[in-house]
Amino acid sequence: MFKRLGVVVLAVLTLGSGLTGCGGVDPDSPLGKRKAIFKDMLTTSEDLGGMLRGRLPFDAGRFAQGAQTLDTLSHQPWQHFTQVREGDSSAARPEVWQRQARFQDLARQLEAATGELVQATRQPSLDAAQLKAPMDKVEGACRACHSEFRNH
């Protein structure tokens, strides 16, 4: 009886671990690629915001490098939005595919805001106060797109 119970437990554990593996997103899929980019954008943005809000020590060089990274990343996710919505595991609302012109407009606004942030970091003797307005603009561009096109 214990042998039979052991086989059943092993089968359940094997099946369970196989099912959890199926729930993930293929990192090479368009969804997986854009999720990775958005995660990198969030991490970078949180570090920059943390420096401006005193959660992290302000380091002008590190901030400038982070702004450049954020600008580079801001141009990347859009190519990974396919013409037709794929699967149900995306946080994107169907409006992304239904209102492409508006979605692309907001993407360009984010790209412009991150470009302005990079320009602001090129000023001599950089300080946190100079960067608050351009960073607020970046964060506002993120919020605008999320409020229209992302399921929270």
Protein backbone atom coordinates (compact mmCIF):
# COMPACT_ATOMS: atom_id res chain seq x y z
CA MET A 1 0.00 0.00 0.00
CA PHE A 2 2.82 2.42 0.84
CA LYS A 3 4.48 1.58 -2.47
CA ARG A 4 1.26 2.42 -4.36
CA LEU A 5 0.86 5.67 -2.36
CA GLY A 6 4.46 6.59 -3.14
CA VAL A 7 3.87 6.09 -6.89
CA VAL A 8 0.73 8.25 -6.74
CA VAL A 9 2.52 11.02 -4.82
CA LEU A 10 5.44 10.93 -7.26
CA ALA A 11 3.06 11.10 -10.23
CA VAL A 12 1.20 14.06 -8.75
CA LEU A 13 4.42 15.90 -7.99
CA THR A 14 5.77 15.25 -11.48
CA LEU A 15 2.53 16.36 -13.13
CA GLY A 16 2.33 19.44 -10.89
CA SER A 17 5.86 20.55 -11.68
CA GLY A 18 5.19 20.05 -15.38
CA LEU A 19 2.09 22.20 -15.23
CA THR A 20 3.82 25.06 -13.47
CA GLY A 21 6.44 25.05 -16.21
CA CYS A 22 3.68 25.42 -18.82
CA GLY A 23 2.38 28.59 -17.19
CA GLY A 24 5.46 30.63 -18.00
CA VAL A 25 6.00 32.93 -20.94
CA ASP A 26 8.45 31.90 -23.64
CA PRO A 27 11.29 34.45 -23.30
CA ASP A 28 11.84 34.32 -27.06
CA SER A 29 8.21 35.14 -27.89
CA PRO A 30 7.14 38.72 -28.64
CA LEU A 31 5.34 38.80 -25.28
CA GLY A 32 8.40 37.48 -23.44
CA LYS A 33 10.70 39.99 -25.13
CA ARG A 34 8.56 43.01 -24.38
CA LYS A 35 7.96 41.88 -20.79
CA ALA A 36 11.73 41.66 -20.27
CA ILE A 37 12.23 45.14 -21.75
CA PHE A 38 9.44 46.64 -19.65
CA LYS A 39 10.91 45.00 -16.53
CA ASP A 40 14.32 46.54 -17.30
CA MET A 41 12.64 49.91 -17.89
CA LEU A 42 10.86 49.69 -14.53
CA THR A 43 14.03 48.76 -12.66
CA THR A 44 15.99 51.58 -14.27
CA SER A 45 13.22 54.12 -13.72
CA GLU A 46 12.83 53.11 -10.07
CA ASP A 47 16.55 53.65 -9.50
CA LEU A 48 16.45 57.07 -11.14
CA GLY A 49 13.35 58.08 -9.20
CA GLY A 50 14.93 56.75 -6.03
CA MET A 51 17.92 59.02 -6.52
CA LEU A 52 15.68 62.04 -7.02
CA ARG A 53 13.47 61.26 -4.03
CA GLY A 54 16.29 60.52 -1.60
CA ARG A 55 15.68 56.78 -1.35
CA LEU A 56 19.09 56.23 -2.99
CA PRO A 57 22.11 58.52 -2.84
CA PHE A 58 22.27 60.82 -5.85
CA ASP A 59 25.16 59.97 -8.15
CA ALA A 60 25.25 62.24 -11.23
CA GLY A 61 27.27 59.79 -13.34
CA ARG A 62 25.10 56.84 -12.43
CA PHE A 63 21.96 58.89 -13.05
CA ALA A 64 23.20 59.98 -16.49
CA GLN A 65 24.04 56.38 -17.41
CA GLY A 66 20.62 55.24 -16.18
CA ALA A 67 18.89 57.94 -18.22
CA GLN A 68 20.76 56.77 -21.32
CA THR A 69 19.80 53.16 -20.61
CA LEU A 70 16.17 54.15 -20.11
CA ASP A 71 16.20 56.09 -23.38
CA THR A 72 17.62 53.10 -25.25
CA LEU A 73 15.06 50.76 -23.69
CA SER A 74 12.17 53.14 -24.42
CA HIS A 75 12.64 52.54 -28.16
CA GLN A 76 12.63 48.74 -27.96
CA PRO A 77 9.34 47.18 -26.76
CA TRP A 78 7.08 48.47 -29.53
CA GLN A 79 8.53 46.17 -32.19
CA HIS A 80 7.41 43.22 -30.07
CA PHE A 81 3.71 44.08 -30.24
CA THR A 82 2.47 41.77 -32.97
CA GLN A 83 -0.29 42.75 -35.38
CA VAL A 84 -2.70 40.38 -33.61
CA ARG A 85 -2.91 39.90 -29.86
CA GLU A 86 -1.20 36.72 -28.76
CA GLY A 87 -2.45 34.66 -25.81
CA ASP A 88 -4.12 35.68 -22.60
CA SER A 89 -1.06 36.24 -20.42
CA SER A 90 -0.42 39.79 -21.63
CA ALA A 91 -1.18 42.73 -19.36
CA ALA A 92 -1.95 44.76 -22.47
CA ARG A 93 -5.59 45.60 -23.07
CA PRO A 94 -7.18 44.74 -26.44
CA GLU A 95 -7.18 48.49 -27.17
CA VAL A 96 -3.44 48.23 -27.96
CA TRP A 97 -4.41 46.43 -31.17
CA GLN A 98 -7.67 48.31 -31.73
CA ARG A 99 -6.24 51.83 -31.32
CA GLN A 100 -2.78 51.48 -32.81
CA ALA A 101 -2.40 55.15 -33.76
CA ARG A 102 -2.98 56.30 -30.16
CA PHE A 103 -0.75 53.56 -28.77
CA GLN A 104 2.08 54.53 -31.12
CA ASP A 105 1.58 58.21 -30.25
CA LEU A 106 2.05 57.45 -26.56
CA ALA A 107 5.11 55.34 -27.36
CA ARG A 108 6.64 58.30 -29.23
CA GLN A 109 5.83 60.59 -26.28
CA LEU A 110 7.74 58.27 -23.95
CA GLU A 111 10.68 58.16 -26.36
CA ALA A 112 10.72 61.96 -26.54
CA ALA A 113 10.54 62.29 -22.74
CA THR A 114 13.44 59.89 -22.19
CA GLY A 115 15.43 61.79 -24.83
CA GLU A 116 14.78 65.05 -22.96
CA LEU A 117 15.92 63.38 -19.74
CA VAL A 118 19.19 62.37 -21.42
CA GLN A 119 19.66 65.96 -22.63
CA ALA A 120 19.09 67.26 -19.10
CA THR A 121 21.86 64.99 -17.82
CA ARG A 122 24.36 66.67 -20.16
CA GLN A 123 24.36 69.90 -18.16
CA PRO A 124 27.52 70.77 -16.22
CA SER A 125 27.44 70.26 -12.44
CA LEU A 126 24.35 68.10 -12.49
CA ASP A 127 22.10 68.03 -9.44
CA ALA A 128 18.89 66.24 -8.55
CA ALA A 129 16.74 69.39 -8.60
CA GLN A 130 17.52 69.94 -12.32
CA LEU A 131 16.32 66.46 -13.18
CA LYS A 132 13.00 66.37 -11.35
CA ALA A 133 10.89 67.96 -14.12
CA PRO A 134 12.28 65.81 -16.97
CA MET A 135 11.94 62.67 -14.83
CA ASP A 136 8.37 63.63 -13.93
CA LYS A 137 7.67 63.87 -17.67
CA VAL A 138 9.03 60.36 -18.24
CA GLU A 139 6.94 58.97 -15.38
CA GLY A 140 3.88 60.82 -16.70
CA ALA A 141 4.37 59.28 -20.14
CA CYS A 142 4.53 55.82 -18.57
CA ARG A 143 1.38 56.46 -16.53
CA ALA A 144 -0.53 57.81 -19.54
CA CYS A 145 0.10 54.68 -21.58
CA HIS A 146 -0.58 52.34 -18.65
CA SER A 147 -3.88 54.02 -17.84
CA GLU A 148 -5.13 53.60 -21.41
CA PHE A 149 -3.55 50.35 -22.51
CA ARG A 150 -2.51 48.16 -19.56
CA ASN A 151 -4.56 45.90 -17.30
CA HIS A 152 -3.46 46.53 -13.71
